[in-house]
Amino acid sequence: MCARAASRARSAVVKRRVNSIALAPIEDFRHDSDLFGEGVREPAAQKRIQAAIGRGFQTRDAEMDLGRLLVELTDD
């Protein structure tokens, strides 16, 4: 039982360490979210979003062939 508890404690320490290295601080996520929200309101972004949806962007096929769809969108 003690060995299991120690193992869980080590796992928790490792998880916290990995998260501290791999994840940005919450403030950075909020800032990026705000910037994204501002960007998608731009007319050029709205035009690209509509073009993507018109080409089936929200379908499985488009998701599986995302590279091709993105190239097609840059051609517009």
N, C-alpha and C. Protein backbone atom coordinates (compact mmCIF):
# COMPACT_ATOMS: atom_id res chain seq x y z
N MET A 1 0.81 -1.17 0.00
CA MET A 1 0.00 0.00 0.00
C MET A 1 0.87 1.27 0.00
N CYS A 2 1.90 1.26 0.80
CA CYS A 2 2.81 2.41 0.85
C CYS A 2 3.52 2.59 -0.49
N ALA A 3 3.87 1.48 -1.13
CA ALA A 3 4.55 1.56 -2.42
C ALA A 3 3.62 2.19 -3.47
N ARG A 4 2.33 1.83 -3.44
CA ARG A 4 1.37 2.41 -4.38
C ARG A 4 1.21 3.92 -4.14
N ALA A 5 1.13 4.29 -2.89
CA ALA A 5 1.00 5.71 -2.55
C ALA A 5 2.24 6.48 -3.00
N ALA A 6 3.39 5.92 -2.79
CA ALA A 6 4.64 6.57 -3.21
C ALA A 6 4.69 6.69 -4.73
N SER A 7 4.23 5.65 -5.42
CA SER A 7 4.21 5.67 -6.88
C SER A 7 3.29 6.78 -7.40
N ARG A 8 2.10 6.90 -6.78
CA ARG A 8 1.17 7.96 -7.18
C ARG A 8 1.76 9.33 -6.90
N ALA A 9 2.44 9.47 -5.80
CA ALA A 9 3.06 10.76 -5.45
C ALA A 9 4.13 11.12 -6.47
N ARG A 10 4.94 10.13 -6.88
CA ARG A 10 5.97 10.39 -7.90
C ARG A 10 5.32 10.76 -9.22
N SER A 11 4.25 10.07 -9.57
CA SER A 11 3.54 10.38 -10.82
C SER A 11 3.00 11.80 -10.80
N ALA A 12 2.47 12.21 -9.66
CA ALA A 12 1.93 13.57 -9.54
C ALA A 12 3.04 14.60 -9.69
N VAL A 13 4.19 14.33 -9.11
CA VAL A 13 5.33 15.25 -9.21
C VAL A 13 5.76 15.36 -10.67
N VAL A 14 5.87 14.24 -11.34
CA VAL A 14 6.28 14.23 -12.75
C VAL A 14 5.25 14.98 -13.59
N LYS A 15 3.97 14.74 -13.37
CA LYS A 15 2.91 15.40 -14.13
C LYS A 15 2.99 16.92 -13.93
N ARG A 16 3.14 17.37 -12.70
CA ARG A 16 3.25 18.82 -12.45
C ARG A 16 4.47 19.40 -13.16
N ARG A 17 5.57 18.67 -13.14
CA ARG A 17 6.80 19.16 -13.78
C ARG A 17 6.62 19.26 -15.30
N VAL A 18 6.06 18.22 -15.90
CA VAL A 18 5.83 18.23 -17.35
C VAL A 18 4.90 19.38 -17.72
N ASN A 19 3.82 19.55 -16.96
CA ASN A 19 2.90 20.65 -17.24
C ASN A 19 3.57 22.00 -17.11
N SER A 20 4.43 22.16 -16.12
CA SER A 20 5.09 23.46 -15.94
C SER A 20 6.04 23.77 -17.10
N ILE A 21 6.57 22.74 -17.71
CA ILE A 21 7.47 22.93 -18.85
C ILE A 21 6.68 23.09 -20.14
N ALA A 22 5.65 22.29 -20.32
CA ALA A 22 4.96 22.21 -21.60
C ALA A 22 3.80 23.19 -21.77
N LEU A 23 3.20 23.63 -20.68
CA LEU A 23 2.03 24.50 -20.78
C LEU A 23 2.38 25.93 -20.43
N ALA A 24 1.85 26.84 -21.24
CA ALA A 24 2.06 28.27 -20.97
C ALA A 24 1.22 28.68 -19.76
N PRO A 25 1.61 29.75 -19.12
CA PRO A 25 0.79 30.25 -18.00
C PRO A 25 -0.61 30.63 -18.48
N ILE A 26 -1.59 30.55 -17.60
CA ILE A 26 -3.00 30.83 -17.95
C ILE A 26 -3.16 32.23 -18.55
N GLU A 27 -2.37 33.19 -18.08
CA GLU A 27 -2.46 34.55 -18.62
C GLU A 27 -2.13 34.57 -20.11
N ASP A 28 -1.16 33.75 -20.51
CA ASP A 28 -0.80 33.68 -21.93
C ASP A 28 -1.94 33.09 -22.75
N PHE A 29 -2.61 32.07 -22.23
CA PHE A 29 -3.76 31.49 -22.93
C PHE A 29 -4.86 32.53 -23.09
N ARG A 30 -5.12 33.29 -22.03
CA ARG A 30 -6.16 34.33 -22.10
C ARG A 30 -5.80 35.40 -23.12
N HIS A 31 -4.55 35.82 -23.11
CA HIS A 31 -4.10 36.83 -24.07
C HIS A 31 -4.24 36.31 -25.50
N ASP A 32 -3.79 35.09 -25.75
CA ASP A 32 -3.91 34.51 -27.09
C ASP A 32 -5.37 34.38 -27.50
N SER A 33 -6.23 34.01 -26.56
CA SER A 33 -7.65 33.90 -26.85
C SER A 33 -8.24 35.26 -27.24
N ASP A 34 -7.84 36.28 -26.53
CA ASP A 34 -8.30 37.64 -26.86
C ASP A 34 -7.84 38.05 -28.25
N LEU A 35 -6.58 37.78 -28.56
CA LEU A 35 -6.05 38.12 -29.89
C LEU A 35 -6.78 37.36 -30.99
N PHE A 36 -7.07 36.07 -30.74
CA PHE A 36 -7.80 35.27 -31.72
C PHE A 36 -9.19 35.88 -31.94
N GLY A 37 -9.87 36.22 -30.84
CA GLY A 37 -11.21 36.81 -30.95
C GLY A 37 -11.21 38.10 -31.76
N GLU A 38 -10.18 38.91 -31.58
CA GLU A 38 -10.07 40.14 -32.36
C GLU A 38 -9.81 39.82 -33.83
N GLY A 39 -8.93 38.86 -34.07
CA GLY A 39 -8.55 38.52 -35.44
C GLY A 39 -9.69 37.95 -36.27
N VAL A 40 -10.52 37.12 -35.67
CA VAL A 40 -11.59 36.49 -36.46
C VAL A 40 -12.70 37.47 -36.81
N ARG A 41 -12.70 38.63 -36.19
CA ARG A 41 -13.69 39.65 -36.55
C ARG A 41 -13.26 40.47 -37.77
N GLU A 42 -12.01 40.36 -38.15
CA GLU A 42 -11.52 41.11 -39.31
C GLU A 42 -12.22 40.63 -40.58
N PRO A 43 -12.55 41.54 -41.50
CA PRO A 43 -13.23 41.14 -42.74
C PRO A 43 -12.46 40.08 -43.54
N ALA A 44 -11.14 40.20 -43.60
CA ALA A 44 -10.36 39.20 -44.36
C ALA A 44 -10.48 37.82 -43.72
N ALA A 45 -10.47 37.76 -42.39
CA ALA A 45 -10.62 36.47 -41.70
C ALA A 45 -12.01 35.91 -41.94
N GLN A 46 -13.03 36.75 -41.88
CA GLN A 46 -14.40 36.30 -42.13
C GLN A 46 -14.53 35.73 -43.54
N LYS A 47 -13.89 36.38 -44.50
CA LYS A 47 -13.93 35.89 -45.89
C LYS A 47 -13.28 34.51 -46.00
N ARG A 48 -12.13 34.33 -45.35
CA ARG A 48 -11.45 33.03 -45.39
C ARG A 48 -12.27 31.95 -44.69
N ILE A 49 -12.88 32.31 -43.57
CA ILE A 49 -13.71 31.34 -42.84
C ILE A 49 -14.88 30.90 -43.72
N GLN A 50 -15.55 31.84 -44.34
CA GLN A 50 -16.68 31.50 -45.21
C GLN A 50 -16.22 30.64 -46.39
N ALA A 51 -15.08 30.95 -46.97
CA ALA A 51 -14.55 30.14 -48.08
C ALA A 51 -14.25 28.72 -47.60
N ALA A 52 -13.68 28.60 -46.42
CA ALA A 52 -13.36 27.27 -45.87
C ALA A 52 -14.63 26.46 -45.63
N ILE A 53 -15.62 27.09 -45.06
CA ILE A 53 -16.89 26.39 -44.80
C ILE A 53 -17.54 26.01 -46.12
N GLY A 54 -17.46 26.89 -47.11
CA GLY A 54 -18.00 26.58 -48.44
C GLY A 54 -17.33 25.39 -49.10
N ARG A 55 -16.09 25.14 -48.73
CA ARG A 55 -15.36 23.99 -49.28
C ARG A 55 -15.46 22.77 -48.38
N GLY A 56 -16.33 22.80 -47.39
CA GLY A 56 -16.52 21.63 -46.55
C GLY A 56 -15.56 21.52 -45.39
N PHE A 57 -15.03 22.65 -44.95
CA PHE A 57 -14.04 22.66 -43.88
C PHE A 57 -14.49 21.90 -42.64
N GLN A 58 -15.79 21.90 -42.35
CA GLN A 58 -16.29 21.25 -41.15
C GLN A 58 -16.73 19.81 -41.40
N THR A 59 -16.09 19.16 -42.34
CA THR A 59 -16.40 17.76 -42.63
C THR A 59 -15.17 16.90 -42.31
N ARG A 60 -15.42 15.63 -42.16
CA ARG A 60 -14.31 14.69 -41.89
C ARG A 60 -13.34 14.66 -43.07
N ASP A 61 -13.86 14.67 -44.30
CA ASP A 61 -12.99 14.63 -45.48
C ASP A 61 -12.03 15.81 -45.49
N ALA A 62 -12.54 17.00 -45.19
CA ALA A 62 -11.67 18.17 -45.17
C ALA A 62 -10.63 18.06 -44.06
N GLU A 63 -11.07 17.55 -42.92
CA GLU A 63 -10.14 17.39 -41.80
C GLU A 63 -9.01 16.42 -42.18
N MET A 64 -9.35 15.36 -42.89
CA MET A 64 -8.36 14.37 -43.26
C MET A 64 -7.43 14.88 -44.37
N ASP A 65 -7.87 15.90 -45.11
CA ASP A 65 -7.06 16.46 -46.20
C ASP A 65 -6.86 17.97 -45.98
N LEU A 66 -6.57 18.33 -44.75
CA LEU A 66 -6.48 19.73 -44.36
C LEU A 66 -5.43 20.49 -45.15
N GLY A 67 -4.31 19.86 -45.42
CA GLY A 67 -3.24 20.53 -46.17
C GLY A 67 -3.72 21.02 -47.52
N ARG A 68 -4.43 20.17 -48.24
CA ARG A 68 -4.95 20.55 -49.57
C ARG A 68 -5.94 21.71 -49.43
N LEU A 69 -6.83 21.64 -48.46
CA LEU A 69 -7.82 22.69 -48.27
C LEU A 69 -7.13 24.03 -47.97
N LEU A 70 -6.13 24.02 -47.16
CA LEU A 70 -5.43 25.25 -46.81
C LEU A 70 -4.72 25.84 -48.03
N VAL A 71 -4.14 24.99 -48.86
CA VAL A 71 -3.50 25.48 -50.08
C VAL A 71 -4.54 26.09 -51.00
N GLU A 72 -5.70 25.45 -51.13
CA GLU A 72 -6.75 25.99 -51.97
C GLU A 72 -7.23 27.36 -51.46
N LEU A 73 -7.30 27.50 -50.15
CA LEU A 73 -7.75 28.77 -49.59
C LEU A 73 -6.74 29.88 -49.84
N THR A 74 -5.46 29.55 -49.88
CA THR A 74 -4.46 30.59 -50.15
C THR A 74 -4.47 31.01 -51.61
N ASP A 75 -5.06 30.17 -52.48
CA ASP A 75 -5.14 30.51 -53.91
C ASP A 75 -6.21 31.55 -54.19
N ASP A 76 -7.16 31.72 -53.27
CA ASP A 76 -8.27 32.68 -53.48
C ASP A 76 -7.82 34.11 -53.39
